[in-house]
C-alpha cells in the first residue's frame, strides 16, 4: 500500500512540474487541466493514507 502512496506522490510532483511549465508558456488551458489532475491525485493519495491507517 505504501508503494501506491509513493507512486501517487511521484505522479503529483510530475503533474505539478508539467503545470508550472505550461504556466510559463502561457498555456492556461493546460494549467487548468493539470490543476484538476493534481487535485484528483491528492484526493486519491489521502484515501490511500486513510486506508493504511486502519
N, C-alpha and C. Protein backbone atom coordinates (compact mmCIF):
# COMPACT_ATOMS: atom_id res chain seq x y z
N UNK A 1 0.82 -1.19 0.00
CA UNK A 1 0.00 0.00 0.00
C UNK A 1 0.87 1.26 0.00
N UNK A 2 1.97 1.23 0.75
CA UNK A 2 2.84 2.41 0.79
C UNK A 2 3.47 2.71 -0.56
N UNK A 3 3.75 1.67 -1.34
CA UNK A 3 4.32 1.93 -2.67
C UNK A 3 3.30 2.64 -3.54
N UNK A 4 2.01 2.34 -3.33
CA UNK A 4 0.96 3.04 -4.06
C UNK A 4 0.93 4.52 -3.70
N UNK A 5 1.13 4.81 -2.42
CA UNK A 5 1.16 6.21 -1.96
C UNK A 5 2.38 6.91 -2.54
N UNK A 6 3.51 6.24 -2.53
CA UNK A 6 4.72 6.83 -3.11
C UNK A 6 4.54 7.10 -4.60
N UNK A 7 3.90 6.16 -5.29
CA UNK A 7 3.64 6.33 -6.72
C UNK A 7 2.73 7.53 -6.97
N UNK A 8 1.71 7.66 -6.16
CA UNK A 8 0.81 8.81 -6.31
C UNK A 8 1.56 10.11 -6.06
N UNK A 9 2.44 10.12 -5.07
CA UNK A 9 3.22 11.33 -4.78
C UNK A 9 4.11 11.69 -5.97
N UNK A 10 4.70 10.69 -6.58
CA UNK A 10 5.54 10.94 -7.75
C UNK A 10 4.71 11.51 -8.90
N UNK A 11 3.50 10.98 -9.09
CA UNK A 11 2.63 11.48 -10.14
C UNK A 11 2.22 12.93 -9.86
N UNK A 12 1.94 13.23 -8.58
CA UNK A 12 1.58 14.60 -8.20
C UNK A 12 2.72 15.55 -8.54
N UNK A 13 3.92 15.18 -8.16
CA UNK A 13 5.08 16.04 -8.43
C UNK A 13 5.29 16.21 -9.94
N UNK A 14 5.13 15.15 -10.69
CA UNK A 14 5.27 15.21 -12.15
C UNK A 14 4.26 16.18 -12.75
N UNK A 15 2.99 16.06 -12.33
CA UNK A 15 1.95 16.93 -12.87
C UNK A 15 2.17 18.38 -12.44
N UNK A 16 2.68 18.59 -11.24
CA UNK A 16 2.97 19.96 -10.80
C UNK A 16 4.06 20.58 -11.66
N UNK A 17 5.09 19.81 -12.00
CA UNK A 17 6.15 20.32 -12.87
C UNK A 17 5.60 20.65 -14.26
N UNK A 18 4.75 19.76 -14.78
CA UNK A 18 4.15 20.00 -16.09
C UNK A 18 3.26 21.24 -16.06
N UNK A 19 2.53 21.42 -14.94
CA UNK A 19 1.67 22.59 -14.79
C UNK A 19 2.50 23.87 -14.78
N UNK A 20 3.61 23.85 -14.04
CA UNK A 20 4.48 25.02 -13.97
C UNK A 20 5.06 25.36 -15.35
N UNK A 21 5.40 24.33 -16.11
CA UNK A 21 5.93 24.55 -17.46
C UNK A 21 4.85 25.15 -18.36
N UNK A 22 3.64 24.63 -18.25
CA UNK A 22 2.54 25.15 -19.06
C UNK A 22 2.24 26.60 -18.68
N UNK A 23 2.33 26.91 -17.38
CA UNK A 23 2.09 28.28 -16.92
C UNK A 23 3.15 29.21 -17.48
N UNK A 24 4.40 28.77 -17.48
CA UNK A 24 5.50 29.58 -18.01
C UNK A 24 5.32 29.83 -19.50
N UNK A 25 4.71 28.87 -20.20
CA UNK A 25 4.49 29.01 -21.63
C UNK A 25 3.19 29.76 -21.94
N UNK A 26 2.42 30.08 -20.90
CA UNK A 26 1.18 30.83 -21.09
C UNK A 26 0.01 29.99 -21.56
N UNK A 27 0.09 28.68 -21.41
CA UNK A 27 -0.98 27.79 -21.85
C UNK A 27 -1.93 27.54 -20.67
N UNK A 28 -2.84 28.47 -20.45
CA UNK A 28 -3.71 28.42 -19.28
C UNK A 28 -4.71 27.26 -19.34
N UNK A 29 -5.06 26.82 -20.53
CA UNK A 29 -5.96 25.67 -20.66
C UNK A 29 -5.28 24.42 -20.10
N UNK A 30 -4.02 24.26 -20.41
CA UNK A 30 -3.26 23.12 -19.90
C UNK A 30 -3.02 23.26 -18.40
N UNK A 31 -2.81 24.47 -17.92
CA UNK A 31 -2.65 24.71 -16.48
C UNK A 31 -3.90 24.24 -15.74
N UNK A 32 -5.06 24.58 -16.27
CA UNK A 32 -6.33 24.18 -15.66
C UNK A 32 -6.45 22.66 -15.62
N UNK A 33 -6.05 22.01 -16.70
CA UNK A 33 -6.09 20.55 -16.76
C UNK A 33 -5.19 19.94 -15.68
N UNK A 34 -3.96 20.44 -15.58
CA UNK A 34 -3.04 19.89 -14.59
C UNK A 34 -3.48 20.19 -13.16
N UNK A 35 -4.13 21.35 -12.93
CA UNK A 35 -4.67 21.65 -11.61
C UNK A 35 -5.69 20.58 -11.20
N UNK A 36 -6.56 20.22 -12.13
CA UNK A 36 -7.57 19.19 -11.85
C UNK A 36 -6.92 17.84 -11.60
N UNK A 37 -5.92 17.52 -12.39
CA UNK A 37 -5.22 16.24 -12.22
C UNK A 37 -4.53 16.17 -10.85
N UNK A 38 -3.86 17.25 -10.48
CA UNK A 38 -3.16 17.28 -9.19
C UNK A 38 -4.16 17.12 -8.05
N UNK A 39 -5.28 17.81 -8.15
CA UNK A 39 -6.30 17.72 -7.10
C UNK A 39 -6.83 16.30 -6.98
N UNK A 40 -7.12 15.66 -8.10
CA UNK A 40 -7.63 14.29 -8.08
C UNK A 40 -6.59 13.32 -7.51
N UNK A 41 -5.34 13.50 -7.87
CA UNK A 41 -4.28 12.63 -7.35
C UNK A 41 -4.09 12.83 -5.85
N UNK A 42 -4.17 14.07 -5.39
CA UNK A 42 -4.03 14.34 -3.96
C UNK A 42 -5.17 13.70 -3.18
N UNK A 43 -6.37 13.74 -3.72
CA UNK A 43 -7.50 13.10 -3.06
C UNK A 43 -7.32 11.58 -3.01
N UNK A 44 -6.84 11.02 -4.10
CA UNK A 44 -6.59 9.57 -4.13
C UNK A 44 -5.53 9.19 -3.11
N UNK A 45 -4.50 10.03 -2.99
CA UNK A 45 -3.44 9.77 -2.02
C UNK A 45 -3.99 9.82 -0.59
N UNK A 46 -4.84 10.79 -0.31
CA UNK A 46 -5.45 10.90 1.02
C UNK A 46 -6.29 9.66 1.34
N UNK A 47 -7.05 9.18 0.36
CA UNK A 47 -7.86 7.98 0.58
C UNK A 47 -6.98 6.78 0.90
N UNK A 48 -5.88 6.64 0.16
CA UNK A 48 -4.96 5.51 0.41
C UNK A 48 -4.33 5.62 1.80
N UNK A 49 -3.97 6.84 2.19
CA UNK A 49 -3.37 7.03 3.52
C UNK A 49 -4.36 6.68 4.62
N UNK A 50 -5.63 7.03 4.43
CA UNK A 50 -6.65 6.67 5.41
C UNK A 50 -6.83 5.17 5.50
N UNK A 51 -6.78 4.49 4.35
CA UNK A 51 -6.90 3.04 4.34
C UNK A 51 -5.73 2.40 5.06
N UNK A 52 -4.56 2.98 4.91
CA UNK A 52 -3.36 2.43 5.53
C UNK A 52 -3.42 2.55 7.04
N UNK A 53 -4.04 3.61 7.53
CA UNK A 53 -4.14 3.84 8.98
C UNK A 53 -5.08 2.88 9.67
N UNK A 54 -5.98 2.26 8.92
CA UNK A 54 -6.95 1.33 9.53
C UNK A 54 -6.30 0.10 10.08
